[in-house]
Amino acid sequence: MTYWKGKLMDYRTYEELYRERWEKQNIIDKAINPKLELAHKRAKRDDLNKINGKLGGRPKMPLSKDAEMLDKLLKKELSLNDAADIMSITVDKLRGIKKRYRLPRHESD
């Protein structure tokens, strides 16, 4: 039990009151600082995520020059260490490229 303005309140009533006040304060805060609106971008993307999910997942990203080169090298069954030596890039960067672009890609992709 919680006391508010000298009254004993049930937690359900207190939570509803707290939420109402919190939502009002959020509106005031967003008017003062527009950057706070960015916190709700995820909700806007949910519709796009549902559409992509029904189509089998997110669309493939077009390959960058480094990603194209790495894709060719991985199809020739070279290791990431060998590819790093050939491309003069660190192995960590190549791992990131491989993960980001889902390499190696097959002809059907």
PDB file of N, CA and C in Angstrom:
ATOM      1  N   MET A   1       0.831  -1.187   0.000  1.00  0.00           N
ATOM      2  CA  MET A   1       0.000   0.000   0.000  1.00  0.00           C
ATOM      3  C   MET A   1       0.877   1.253   0.000  1.00  0.00           C
ATOM      4  N   THR A   2       0.405   2.264  -0.689  1.00  0.00           N
ATOM      5  CA  THR A   2       1.150   3.503  -0.839  1.00  0.00           C
ATOM      6  C   THR A   2       0.275   4.669  -0.389  1.00  0.00           C
ATOM      7  N   TYR A   3       0.933   5.652   0.210  1.00  0.00           N
ATOM      8  CA  TYR A   3       0.222   6.854   0.626  1.00  0.00           C
ATOM      9  C   TYR A   3       0.457   7.944  -0.405  1.00  0.00           C
ATOM     10  N   TRP A   4      -0.613   8.638  -0.775  1.00  0.00           N
ATOM     11  CA  TRP A   4      -0.504   9.776  -1.676  1.00  0.00           C
ATOM     12  C   TRP A   4      -1.471  10.841  -1.201  1.00  0.00           C
ATOM     13  N   LYS A   5      -0.933  12.022  -0.920  1.00  0.00           N
ATOM     14  CA  LYS A   5      -1.712  13.136  -0.371  1.00  0.00           C
ATOM     15  C   LYS A   5      -2.510  12.709   0.862  1.00  0.00           C
ATOM     16  N   GLY A   6      -1.846  11.909   1.687  1.00  0.00           N
ATOM     17  CA  GLY A   6      -2.458  11.494   2.939  1.00  0.00           C
ATOM     18  C   GLY A   6      -3.454  10.363   2.822  1.00  0.00           C
ATOM     19  N   LYS A   7      -3.675   9.866   1.597  1.00  0.00           N
ATOM     20  CA  LYS A   7      -4.623   8.775   1.408  1.00  0.00           C
ATOM     21  C   LYS A   7      -3.859   7.477   1.160  1.00  0.00           C
ATOM     22  N   LEU A   8      -4.422   6.407   1.662  1.00  0.00           N
ATOM     23  CA  LEU A   8      -3.863   5.088   1.419  1.00  0.00           C
ATOM     24  C   LEU A   8      -4.381   4.590   0.072  1.00  0.00           C
ATOM     25  N   MET A   9      -3.455   4.259  -0.866  1.00  0.00           N
ATOM     26  CA  MET A   9      -3.860   3.874  -2.217  1.00  0.00           C
ATOM     27  C   MET A   9      -3.443   2.439  -2.508  1.00  0.00           C
ATOM     28  N   ASP A  10      -4.271   1.769  -3.285  1.00  0.00           N
ATOM     29  CA  ASP A  10      -3.946   0.448  -3.798  1.00  0.00           C
ATOM     30  C   ASP A  10      -2.886   0.614  -4.888  1.00  0.00           C
ATOM     31  N   TYR A  11      -2.013  -0.379  -5.079  1.00  0.00           N
ATOM     32  CA  TYR A  11      -0.929  -0.231  -6.052  1.00  0.00           C
ATOM     33  C   TYR A  11      -1.457  -0.073  -7.476  1.00  0.00           C
ATOM     34  N   ARG A  12      -2.601  -0.658  -7.801  1.00  0.00           N
ATOM     35  CA  ARG A  12      -3.160  -0.525  -9.147  1.00  0.00           C
ATOM     36  C   ARG A  12      -3.541   0.930  -9.443  1.00  0.00           C
ATOM     37  N   THR A  13      -4.187   1.556  -8.487  1.00  0.00           N
ATOM     38  CA  THR A  13      -4.582   2.956  -8.635  1.00  0.00           C
ATOM     39  C   THR A  13      -3.345   3.841  -8.738  1.00  0.00           C
ATOM     40  N   TYR A  14      -2.349   3.557  -7.914  1.00  0.00           N
ATOM     41  CA  TYR A  14      -1.112   4.323  -7.926  1.00  0.00           C
ATOM     42  C   TYR A  14      -0.404   4.184  -9.279  1.00  0.00           C
ATOM     43  N   GLU A  15      -0.359   2.963  -9.828  1.00  0.00           N
ATOM     44  CA  GLU A  15       0.306   2.742 -11.114  1.00  0.00           C
ATOM     45  C   GLU A  15      -0.395   3.505 -12.239  1.00  0.00           C
ATOM     46  N   GLU A  16      -1.711   3.511 -12.223  1.00  0.00           N
ATOM     47  CA  GLU A  16      -2.459   4.254 -13.249  1.00  0.00           C
ATOM     48  C   GLU A  16      -2.188   5.753 -13.141  1.00  0.00           C
ATOM     49  N   LEU A  17      -2.200   6.270 -11.933  1.00  0.00           N
ATOM     50  CA  LEU A  17      -1.928   7.687 -11.712  1.00  0.00           C
ATOM     51  C   LEU A  17      -0.501   8.025 -12.147  1.00  0.00           C
ATOM     52  N   TYR A  18       0.440   7.176 -11.771  1.00  0.00           N
ATOM     53  CA  TYR A  18       1.845   7.392 -12.137  1.00  0.00           C
ATOM     54  C   TYR A  18       2.001   7.394 -13.649  1.00  0.00           C
ATOM     55  N   ARG A  19       1.366   6.450 -14.358  1.00  0.00           N
ATOM     56  CA  ARG A  19       1.475   6.363 -15.809  1.00  0.00           C
ATOM     57  C   ARG A  19       0.903   7.605 -16.499  1.00  0.00           C
ATOM     58  N   GLU A  20      -0.243   8.087 -16.021  1.00  0.00           N
ATOM     59  CA  GLU A  20      -0.839   9.292 -16.596  1.00  0.00           C
ATOM     60  C   GLU A  20       0.104  10.485 -16.465  1.00  0.00           C
ATOM     61  N   ARG A  21       0.665  10.654 -15.282  1.00  0.00           N
ATOM     62  CA  ARG A  21       1.588  11.765 -15.055  1.00  0.00           C
ATOM     63  C   ARG A  21       2.858  11.599 -15.888  1.00  0.00           C
ATOM     64  N   TRP A  22       3.327  10.361 -16.033  1.00  0.00           N
ATOM     65  CA  TRP A  22       4.538  10.075 -16.802  1.00  0.00           C
ATOM     66  C   TRP A  22       4.331  10.412 -18.280  1.00  0.00           C
ATOM     67  N   GLU A  23       3.163  10.044 -18.829  1.00  0.00           N
ATOM     68  CA  GLU A  23       2.867  10.351 -20.227  1.00  0.00           C
ATOM     69  C   GLU A  23       2.776  11.862 -20.456  1.00  0.00           C
ATOM     70  N   LYS A  24       2.173  12.587 -19.527  1.00  0.00           N
ATOM     71  CA  LYS A  24       2.101  14.048 -19.647  1.00  0.00           C
ATOM     72  C   LYS A  24       3.501  14.656 -19.623  1.00  0.00           C
ATOM     73  N   GLN A  25       4.345  14.153 -18.735  1.00  0.00           N
ATOM     74  CA  GLN A  25       5.714  14.677 -18.636  1.00  0.00           C
ATOM     75  C   GLN A  25       6.517  14.346 -19.897  1.00  0.00           C
ATOM     76  N   ASN A  26       6.284  13.177 -20.495  1.00  0.00           N
ATOM     77  CA  ASN A  26       6.964  12.826 -21.743  1.00  0.00           C
ATOM     78  C   ASN A  26       6.617  13.803 -22.855  1.00  0.00           C
ATOM     79  N   ILE A  27       5.366  14.208 -22.946  1.00  0.00           N
ATOM     80  CA  ILE A  27       4.937  15.174 -23.965  1.00  0.00           C
ATOM     81  C   ILE A  27       5.660  16.509 -23.750  1.00  0.00           C
ATOM     82  N   ILE A  28       5.752  16.936 -22.509  1.00  0.00           N
ATOM     83  CA  ILE A  28       6.441  18.188 -22.189  1.00  0.00           C
ATOM     84  C   ILE A  28       7.926  18.077 -22.534  1.00  0.00           C
ATOM     85  N   ASP A  29       8.548  16.957 -22.158  1.00  0.00           N
ATOM     86  CA  ASP A  29       9.973  16.759 -22.418  1.00  0.00           C
ATOM     87  C   ASP A  29      10.272  16.732 -23.915  1.00  0.00           C
ATOM     88  N   LYS A  30       9.408  16.104 -24.718  1.00  0.00           N
ATOM     89  CA  LYS A  30       9.618  16.046 -26.163  1.00  0.00           C
ATOM     90  C   LYS A  30       9.477  17.414 -26.808  1.00  0.00           C
ATOM     91  N   ALA A  31       8.603  18.250 -26.255  1.00  0.00           N
ATOM     92  CA  ALA A  31       8.460  19.607 -26.781  1.00  0.00           C
ATOM     93  C   ALA A  31       9.722  20.422 -26.505  1.00  0.00           C
ATOM     94  N   ILE A  32      10.335  20.188 -25.362  1.00  0.00           N
ATOM     95  CA  ILE A  32      11.558  20.907 -24.995  1.00  0.00           C
ATOM     96  C   ILE A  32      12.758  20.363 -25.759  1.00  0.00           C
ATOM     97  N   ASN A  33      12.872  19.024 -25.852  1.00  0.00           N
ATOM     98  CA  ASN A  33      14.031  18.383 -26.472  1.00  0.00           C
ATOM     99  C   ASN A  33      13.560  17.419 -27.556  1.00  0.00           C
ATOM    100  N   PRO A  34      13.583  17.818 -28.841  1.00  0.00           N
ATOM    101  CA  PRO A  34      13.090  16.971 -29.925  1.00  0.00           C
ATOM    102  C   PRO A  34      13.867  15.667 -30.095  1.00  0.00           C
ATOM    103  N   LYS A  35      15.102  15.590 -29.580  1.00  0.00           N
ATOM    104  CA  LYS A  35      15.894  14.359 -29.718  1.00  0.00           C
ATOM    105  C   LYS A  35      15.251  13.186 -28.970  1.00  0.00           C
ATOM    106  N   LEU A  36      14.419  13.459 -28.015  1.00  0.00           N
ATOM    107  CA  LEU A  36      13.751  12.390 -27.275  1.00  0.00           C
ATOM    108  C   LEU A  36      12.759  11.632 -28.142  1.00  0.00           C
ATOM    109  N   GLU A  37      12.342  12.210 -29.249  1.00  0.00           N
ATOM    110  CA  GLU A  37      11.406  11.547 -30.163  1.00  0.00           C
ATOM    111  C   GLU A  37      12.054  10.337 -30.826  1.00  0.00           C
ATOM    112  N   LEU A  38      13.389  10.342 -30.920  1.00  0.00           N
ATOM    113  CA  LEU A  38      14.108   9.241 -31.567  1.00  0.00           C
ATOM    114  C   LEU A  38      13.940   7.917 -30.830  1.00  0.00           C
ATOM    115  N   ALA A  39      13.566   7.957 -29.579  1.00  0.00           N
ATOM    116  CA  ALA A  39      13.398   6.733 -28.804  1.00  0.00           C
ATOM    117  C   ALA A  39      12.255   5.877 -29.335  1.00  0.00           C
ATOM    118  N   HIS A  40      11.351   6.466 -30.136  1.00  0.00           N
ATOM    119  CA  HIS A  40      10.187   5.728 -30.618  1.00  0.00           C
ATOM    120  C   HIS A  40      10.328   5.299 -32.073  1.00  0.00           C
ATOM    121  N   LYS A  41      11.516   5.410 -32.654  1.00  0.00           N
ATOM    122  CA  LYS A  41      11.714   5.017 -34.042  1.00  0.00           C
ATOM    123  C   LYS A  41      11.505   3.519 -34.226  1.00  0.00           C
ATOM    124  N   ARG A  42      11.804   2.735 -33.194  1.00  0.00           N
ATOM    125  CA  ARG A  42      11.664   1.282 -33.309  1.00  0.00           C
ATOM    126  C   ARG A  42      10.223   0.902 -33.601  1.00  0.00           C
ATOM    127  N   ALA A  43       9.287   1.566 -32.973  1.00  0.00           N
ATOM    128  CA  ALA A  43       7.876   1.266 -33.196  1.00  0.00           C
ATOM    129  C   ALA A  43       7.486   1.550 -34.640  1.00  0.00           C
ATOM    130  N   LYS A  44       8.086   2.558 -35.247  1.00  0.00           N
ATOM    131  CA  LYS A  44       7.785   2.883 -36.634  1.00  0.00           C
ATOM    132  C   LYS A  44       8.330   1.821 -37.585  1.00  0.00           C
ATOM    133  N   ARG A  45       9.455   1.188 -37.195  1.00  0.00           N
ATOM    134  CA  ARG A  45      10.067   0.170 -38.051  1.00  0.00           C
ATOM    135  C   ARG A  45       9.380  -1.182 -37.933  1.00  0.00           C
ATOM    136  N   ASP A  46       8.566  -1.379 -36.915  1.00  0.00           N
ATOM    137  CA  ASP A  46       7.941  -2.677 -36.703  1.00  0.00           C
ATOM    138  C   ASP A  46       7.087  -3.112 -37.889  1.00  0.00           C
ATOM    139  N   ASP A  47       6.394  -2.169 -38.528  1.00  0.00           N
ATOM    140  CA  ASP A  47       5.577  -2.521 -39.694  1.00  0.00           C
ATOM    141  C   ASP A  47       6.445  -3.056 -40.821  1.00  0.00           C
ATOM    142  N   LEU A  48       7.580  -2.392 -41.059  1.00  0.00           N
ATOM    143  CA  LEU A  48       8.497  -2.842 -42.104  1.00  0.00           C
ATOM    144  C   LEU A  48       9.074  -4.208 -41.761  1.00  0.00           C
ATOM    145  N   ASN A  49       9.380  -4.431 -40.483  1.00  0.00           N
ATOM    146  CA  ASN A  49       9.915  -5.723 -40.060  1.00  0.00           C
ATOM    147  C   ASN A  49       8.904  -6.844 -40.295  1.00  0.00           C
ATOM    148  N   LYS A  50       7.624  -6.563 -40.058  1.00  0.00           N
ATOM    149  CA  LYS A  50       6.594  -7.577 -40.286  1.00  0.00           C
ATOM    150  C   LYS A  50       6.489  -7.918 -41.766  1.00  0.00           C
ATOM    151  N   ILE A  51       6.563  -6.898 -42.617  1.00  0.00           N
ATOM    152  CA  ILE A  51       6.491  -7.136 -44.062  1.00  0.00           C
ATOM    153  C   ILE A  51       7.678  -7.972 -44.518  1.00  0.00           C
ATOM    154  N   ASN A  52       8.896  -7.582 -44.095  1.00  0.00           N
ATOM    155  CA  ASN A  52      10.083  -8.330 -44.484  1.00  0.00           C
ATOM    156  C   ASN A  52      10.060  -9.749 -43.928  1.00  0.00           C
ATOM    157  N   GLY A  53       9.500  -9.923 -42.745  1.00  0.00           N
ATOM    158  CA  GLY A  53       9.404 -11.263 -42.167  1.00  0.00           C
ATOM    159  C   GLY A  53       8.519 -12.173 -42.994  1.00  0.00           C
ATOM    160  N   LYS A  54       7.430 -11.631 -43.516  1.00  0.00           N
ATOM    161  CA  LYS A  54       6.542 -12.434 -44.357  1.00  0.00           C
ATOM    162  C   LYS A  54       7.190 -12.794 -45.684  1.00  0.00           C
ATOM    163  N   LEU A  55       8.148 -11.967 -46.122  1.00  0.00           N
ATOM    164  CA  LEU A  55       8.830 -12.217 -47.393  1.00  0.00           C
ATOM    165  C   LEU A  55      10.061 -13.113 -47.220  1.00  0.00           C
ATOM    166  N   GLY A  56      10.342 -13.536 -45.997  1.00  0.00           N
ATOM    167  CA  GLY A  56      11.459 -14.446 -45.774  1.00  0.00           C
ATOM    168  C   GLY A  56      12.678 -13.797 -45.147  1.00  0.00           C
ATOM    169  N   GLY A  57      12.578 -12.586 -44.666  1.00  0.00           N
ATOM    170  CA  GLY A  57      13.695 -11.933 -44.002  1.00  0.00           C
ATOM    171  C   GLY A  57      14.042 -10.612 -44.646  1.00  0.00           C
ATOM    172  N   ARG A  58      15.016  -9.949 -44.038  1.00  0.00           N
ATOM    173  CA  ARG A  58      15.382  -8.634 -44.555  1.00  0.00           C
ATOM    174  C   ARG A  58      15.995  -8.753 -45.939  1.00  0.00           C
ATOM    175  N   PRO A  59      15.827  -7.734 -46.774  1.00  0.00           N
ATOM    176  CA  PRO A  59      16.387  -7.791 -48.121  1.00  0.00           C
ATOM    177  C   PRO A  59      17.910  -7.749 -48.077  1.00  0.00           C
ATOM    178  N   LYS A  60      18.545  -8.337 -49.068  1.00  0.00           N
ATOM    179  CA  LYS A  60      20.003  -8.361 -49.138  1.00  0.00           C
ATOM    180  C   LYS A  60      20.522  -6.962 -49.461  1.00  0.00           C
ATOM    181  N   MET A  61      21.626  -6.598 -48.824  1.00  0.00           N
ATOM    182  CA  MET A  61      22.265  -5.319 -49.098  1.00  0.00           C
ATOM    183  C   MET A  61      23.109  -5.445 -50.358  1.00  0.00           C
ATOM    184  N   PRO A  62      23.163  -4.407 -51.184  1.00  0.00           N
ATOM    185  CA  PRO A  62      24.066  -4.464 -52.330  1.00  0.00           C
ATOM    186  C   PRO A  62      25.511  -4.487 -51.834  1.00  0.00           C
ATOM    187  N   LEU A  63      26.363  -5.224 -52.521  1.00  0.00           N
ATOM    188  CA  LEU A  63      27.742  -5.409 -52.071  1.00  0.00           C
ATOM    189  C   LEU A  63      28.592  -4.176 -52.358  1.00  0.00           C
ATOM    190  N   SER A  64      29.448  -3.833 -51.379  1.00  0.00           N
ATOM    191  CA  SER A  64      30.445  -2.786 -51.595  1.00  0.00           C
ATOM    192  C   SER A  64      31.620  -3.402 -52.362  1.00  0.00           C
ATOM    193  N   LYS A  65      32.602  -2.580 -52.725  1.00  0.00           N
ATOM    194  CA  LYS A  65      33.761  -3.097 -53.462  1.00  0.00           C
ATOM    195  C   LYS A  65      34.516  -4.131 -52.635  1.00  0.00           C
ATOM    196  N   ASP A  66      34.730  -3.823 -51.353  1.00  0.00           N
ATOM    197  CA  ASP A  66      35.428  -4.777 -50.479  1.00  0.00           C
ATOM    198  C   ASP A  66      34.619  -6.055 -50.317  1.00  0.00           C
ATOM    199  N   ALA A  67      33.306  -5.917 -50.205  1.00  0.00           N
ATOM    200  CA  ALA A  67      32.447  -7.092 -50.033  1.00  0.00           C
ATOM    201  C   ALA A  67      32.453  -7.952 -51.286  1.00  0.00           C
ATOM    202  N   GLU A  68      32.458  -7.331 -52.464  1.00  0.00           N
ATOM    203  CA  GLU A  68      32.525  -8.108 -53.713  1.00  0.00           C
ATOM    204  C   GLU A  68      33.812  -8.908 -53.790  1.00  0.00           C
ATOM    205  N   MET A  69      34.929  -8.241 -53.442  1.00  0.00           N
ATOM    206  CA  MET A  69      36.227  -8.916 -53.478  1.00  0.00           C
ATOM    207  C   MET A  69      36.270 -10.064 -52.476  1.00  0.00           C
ATOM    208  N   LEU A  70      35.785  -9.827 -51.270  1.00  0.00           N
ATOM    209  CA  LEU A  70      35.773 -10.873 -50.253  1.00  0.00           C
ATOM    210  C   LEU A  70      34.872 -12.028 -50.673  1.00  0.00           C
ATOM    211  N   ASP A  71      33.752 -11.716 -51.292  1.00  0.00           N
ATOM    212  CA  ASP A  71      32.842 -12.761 -51.766  1.00  0.00           C
ATOM    213  C   ASP A  71      33.545 -13.664 -52.779  1.00  0.00           C
ATOM    214  N   LYS A  72      34.273 -13.063 -53.724  1.00  0.00           N
ATOM    215  CA  LYS A  72      35.005 -13.851 -54.725  1.00  0.00           C
ATOM    216  C   LYS A  72      36.064 -14.731 -54.071  1.00  0.00           C
ATOM    217  N   LEU A  73      36.780 -14.163 -53.094  1.00  0.00           N
ATOM    218  CA  LEU A  73      37.831 -14.924 -52.422  1.00  0.00           C
ATOM    219  C   LEU A  73      37.256 -16.064 -51.591  1.00  0.00           C
ATOM    220  N   LEU A  74      36.132 -15.810 -50.914  1.00  0.00           N
ATOM    221  CA  LEU A  74      35.519 -16.871 -50.108  1.00  0.00           C
ATOM    222  C   LEU A  74      34.952 -17.987 -50.989  1.00  0.00           C
ATOM    223  N   LYS A  75      34.458 -17.637 -52.169  1.00  0.00           N
ATOM    224  CA  LYS A  75      33.972 -18.665 -53.090  1.00  0.00           C
ATOM    225  C   LYS A  75      35.109 -19.549 -53.596  1.00  0.00           C
ATOM    226  N   LYS A  76      36.326 -18.988 -53.614  1.00  0.00           N
ATOM    227  CA  LYS A  76      37.505 -19.776 -53.996  1.00  0.00           C
ATOM    228  C   LYS A  76      38.079 -20.534 -52.810  1.00  0.00           C
ATOM    229  N   GLU A  77      37.351 -20.498 -51.683  1.00  0.00           N
ATOM    230  CA  GLU A  77      37.671 -21.223 -50.458  1.00  0.00           C
ATOM    231  C   GLU A  77      38.967 -20.760 -49.799  1.00  0.00           C
ATOM    232  N   LEU A  78      39.251 -19.461 -49.882  1.00  0.00           N
ATOM    233  CA  LEU A  78      40.375 -18.893 -49.147  1.00  0.00           C
ATOM    234  C   LEU A  78      39.922 -18.583 -47.729  1.00  0.00           C
ATOM    235  N   SER A  79      40.849 -18.665 -46.790  1.00  0.00           N
ATOM    236  CA  SER A  79      40.510 -18.331 -45.407  1.00  0.00           C
ATOM    237  C   SER A  79      40.476 -16.819 -45.247  1.00  0.00           C
ATOM    238  N   LEU A  80      39.916 -16.359 -44.133  1.00  0.00           N
ATOM    239  CA  LEU A  80      39.866 -14.923 -43.870  1.00  0.00           C
ATOM    240  C   LEU A  80      41.271 -14.349 -43.691  1.00  0.00           C
ATOM    241  N   ASN A  81      42.186 -15.132 -43.111  1.00  0.00           N
ATOM    242  CA  ASN A  81      43.560 -14.655 -42.943  1.00  0.00           C
ATOM    243  C   ASN A  81      44.221 -14.415 -44.295  1.00  0.00           C
ATOM    244  N   ASP A  82      44.043 -15.353 -45.229  1.00  0.00           N
ATOM    245  CA  ASP A  82      44.607 -15.178 -46.565  1.00  0.00           C
ATOM    246  C   ASP A  82      43.959 -13.994 -47.281  1.00  0.00           C
ATOM    247  N   ALA A  83      42.640 -13.858 -47.151  1.00  0.00           N
ATOM    248  CA  ALA A  83      41.930 -12.748 -47.782  1.00  0.00           C
ATOM    249  C   ALA A  83      42.397 -11.416 -47.195  1.00  0.00           C
ATOM    250  N   ALA A  84      42.669 -11.378 -45.877  1.00  0.00           N
ATOM    251  CA  ALA A  84      43.150 -10.153 -45.235  1.00  0.00           C
ATOM    252  C   ALA A  84      44.508  -9.759 -45.792  1.00  0.00           C
ATOM    253  N   ASP A  85      45.372 -10.739 -46.031  1.00  0.00           N
ATOM    254  CA  ASP A  85      46.683 -10.446 -46.617  1.00  0.00           C
ATOM    255  C   ASP A  85      46.540  -9.917 -48.036  1.00  0.00           C
ATOM    256  N   ILE A  86      45.681 -10.517 -48.825  1.00  0.00           N
ATOM    257  CA  ILE A  86      45.494 -10.101 -50.211  1.00  0.00           C
ATOM    258  C   ILE A  86      44.896  -8.699 -50.290  1.00  0.00           C
ATOM    259  N   MET A  87      43.893  -8.437 -49.458  1.00  0.00           N
ATOM    260  CA  MET A  87      43.163  -7.162 -49.538  1.00  0.00           C
ATOM    261  C   MET A  87      43.783  -6.061 -48.680  1.00  0.00           C
ATOM    262  N   SER A  88      44.792  -6.388 -47.861  1.00  0.00           N
ATOM    263  CA  SER A  88      45.432  -5.426 -46.949  1.00  0.00           C
ATOM    264  C   SER A  88      44.425  -4.803 -45.988  1.00  0.00           C
ATOM    265  N   ILE A  89      43.567  -5.655 -45.437  1.00  0.00           N
ATOM    266  CA  ILE A  89      42.565  -5.250 -44.448  1.00  0.00           C
ATOM    267  C   ILE A  89      42.707  -6.192 -43.264  1.00  0.00           C
ATOM    268  N   THR A  90      42.369  -5.720 -42.074  1.00  0.00           N
ATOM    269  CA  THR A  90      42.473  -6.581 -40.898  1.00  0.00           C
ATOM    270  C   THR A  90      41.415  -7.686 -40.948  1.00  0.00           C
ATOM    271  N   VAL A  91      41.710  -8.763 -40.268  1.00  0.00           N
ATOM    272  CA  VAL A  91      40.795  -9.900 -40.224  1.00  0.00           C
ATOM    273  C   VAL A  91      39.489  -9.503 -39.542  1.00  0.00           C
ATOM    274  N   ASP A  92      39.566  -8.641 -38.526  1.00  0.00           N
ATOM    275  CA  ASP A  92      38.359  -8.200 -37.833  1.00  0.00           C
ATOM    276  C   ASP A  92      37.415  -7.449 -38.778  1.00  0.00           C
ATOM    277  N   LYS A  93      37.971  -6.592 -39.629  1.00  0.00           N
ATOM    278  CA  LYS A  93      37.128  -5.879 -40.594  1.00  0.00           C
ATOM    279  C   LYS A  93      36.489  -6.867 -41.569  1.00  0.00           C
ATOM    280  N   LEU A  94      37.247  -7.861 -41.983  1.00  0.00           N
ATOM    281  CA  LEU A  94      36.696  -8.847 -42.910  1.00  0.00           C
ATOM    282  C   LEU A  94      35.589  -9.669 -42.258  1.00  0.00           C
ATOM    283  N   ARG A  95      35.756  -9.988 -40.984  1.00  0.00           N
ATOM    284  CA  ARG A  95      34.683 -10.701 -40.274  1.00  0.00           C
ATOM    285  C   ARG A  95      33.412  -9.869 -40.249  1.00  0.00           C
ATOM    286  N   GLY A  96      33.562  -8.556 -40.005  1.00  0.00           N
ATOM    287  CA  GLY A  96      32.409  -7.662 -39.995  1.00  0.00           C
ATOM    288  C   GLY A  96      31.739  -7.591 -41.359  1.00  0.00           C
ATOM    289  N   ILE A  97      32.547  -7.495 -42.415  1.00  0.00           N
ATOM    290  CA  ILE A  97      31.999  -7.457 -43.771  1.00  0.00           C
ATOM    291  C   ILE A  97      31.270  -8.754 -44.088  1.00  0.00           C
ATOM    292  N   LYS A  98      31.893  -9.861 -43.702  1.00  0.00           N
ATOM    293  CA  LYS A  98      31.290 -11.175 -43.971  1.00  0.00           C
ATOM    294  C   LYS A  98      29.939 -11.305 -43.277  1.00  0.00           C
ATOM    295  N   LYS A  99      29.870 -10.837 -42.044  1.00  0.00           N
ATOM    296  CA  LYS A  99      28.620 -10.933 -41.292  1.00  0.00           C
ATOM    297  C   LYS A  99      27.571  -9.957 -41.833  1.00  0.00           C
ATOM    298  N   ARG A 100      27.979  -8.711 -42.108  1.00  0.00           N
ATOM    299  CA  ARG A 100      27.045  -7.685 -42.555  1.00  0.00           C
ATOM    300  C   ARG A 100      26.405  -8.034 -43.888  1.00  0.00           C
ATOM    301  N   TYR A 101      27.215  -8.553 -44.818  1.00  0.00           N
ATOM    302  CA  TYR A 101      26.711  -8.845 -46.161  1.00  0.00           C
ATOM    303  C   TYR A 101      26.329 -10.313 -46.362  1.00  0.00           C
ATOM    304  N   ARG A 102      26.411 -11.099 -45.304  1.00  0.00           N
ATOM    305  CA  ARG A 102      26.074 -12.534 -45.338  1.00  0.00           C
ATOM    306  C   ARG A 102      26.830 -13.247 -46.461  1.00  0.00           C
ATOM    307  N   LEU A 103      28.147 -13.220 -46.358  1.00  0.00           N
ATOM    308  CA  LEU A 103      28.995 -13.819 -47.374  1.00  0.00           C
ATOM    309  C   LEU A 103      29.407 -15.221 -46.964  1.00  0.00           C
ATOM    310  N   PRO A 104      29.760 -16.098 -47.862  1.00  0.00           N
ATOM    311  CA  PRO A 104      29.697 -15.947 -49.312  1.00  0.00           C
ATOM    312  C   PRO A 104      28.261 -16.132 -49.820  1.00  0.00           C
ATOM    313  N   ARG A 105      27.958 -15.370 -50.843  1.00  0.00           N
ATOM    314  CA  ARG A 105      26.636 -15.463 -51.458  1.00  0.00           C
ATOM    315  C   ARG A 105      26.684 -16.456 -52.602  1.00  0.00           C
ATOM    316  N   HIS A 106      25.616 -17.180 -52.750  1.00  0.00           N
ATOM    317  CA  HIS A 106      25.526 -18.157 -53.823  1.00  0.00           C
ATOM    318  C   HIS A 106      24.830 -17.522 -55.023  1.00  0.00           C
ATOM    319  N   GLU A 107      24.870 -18.174 -56.141  1.00  0.00           N
ATOM    320  CA  GLU A 107      24.302 -17.620 -57.381  1.00  0.00           C
ATOM    321  C   GLU A 107      22.819 -17.308 -57.246  1.00  0.00           C
ATOM    322  N   SER A 108      22.090 -18.072 -56.449  1.00  0.00           N
ATOM    323  CA  SER A 108      20.645 -17.852 -56.302  1.00  0.00           C
ATOM    324  C   SER A 108      20.319 -16.616 -55.478  1.00  0.00           C
ATOM    325  N   ASP A 109      21.314 -16.103 -54.714  1.00  0.00           N
ATOM    326  CA  ASP A 109      21.082 -14.915 -53.877  1.00  0.00           C
ATOM    327  C   ASP A 109      21.138 -13.731 -54.736  1.00  0.00           C
TER     328      ASP A 109
END
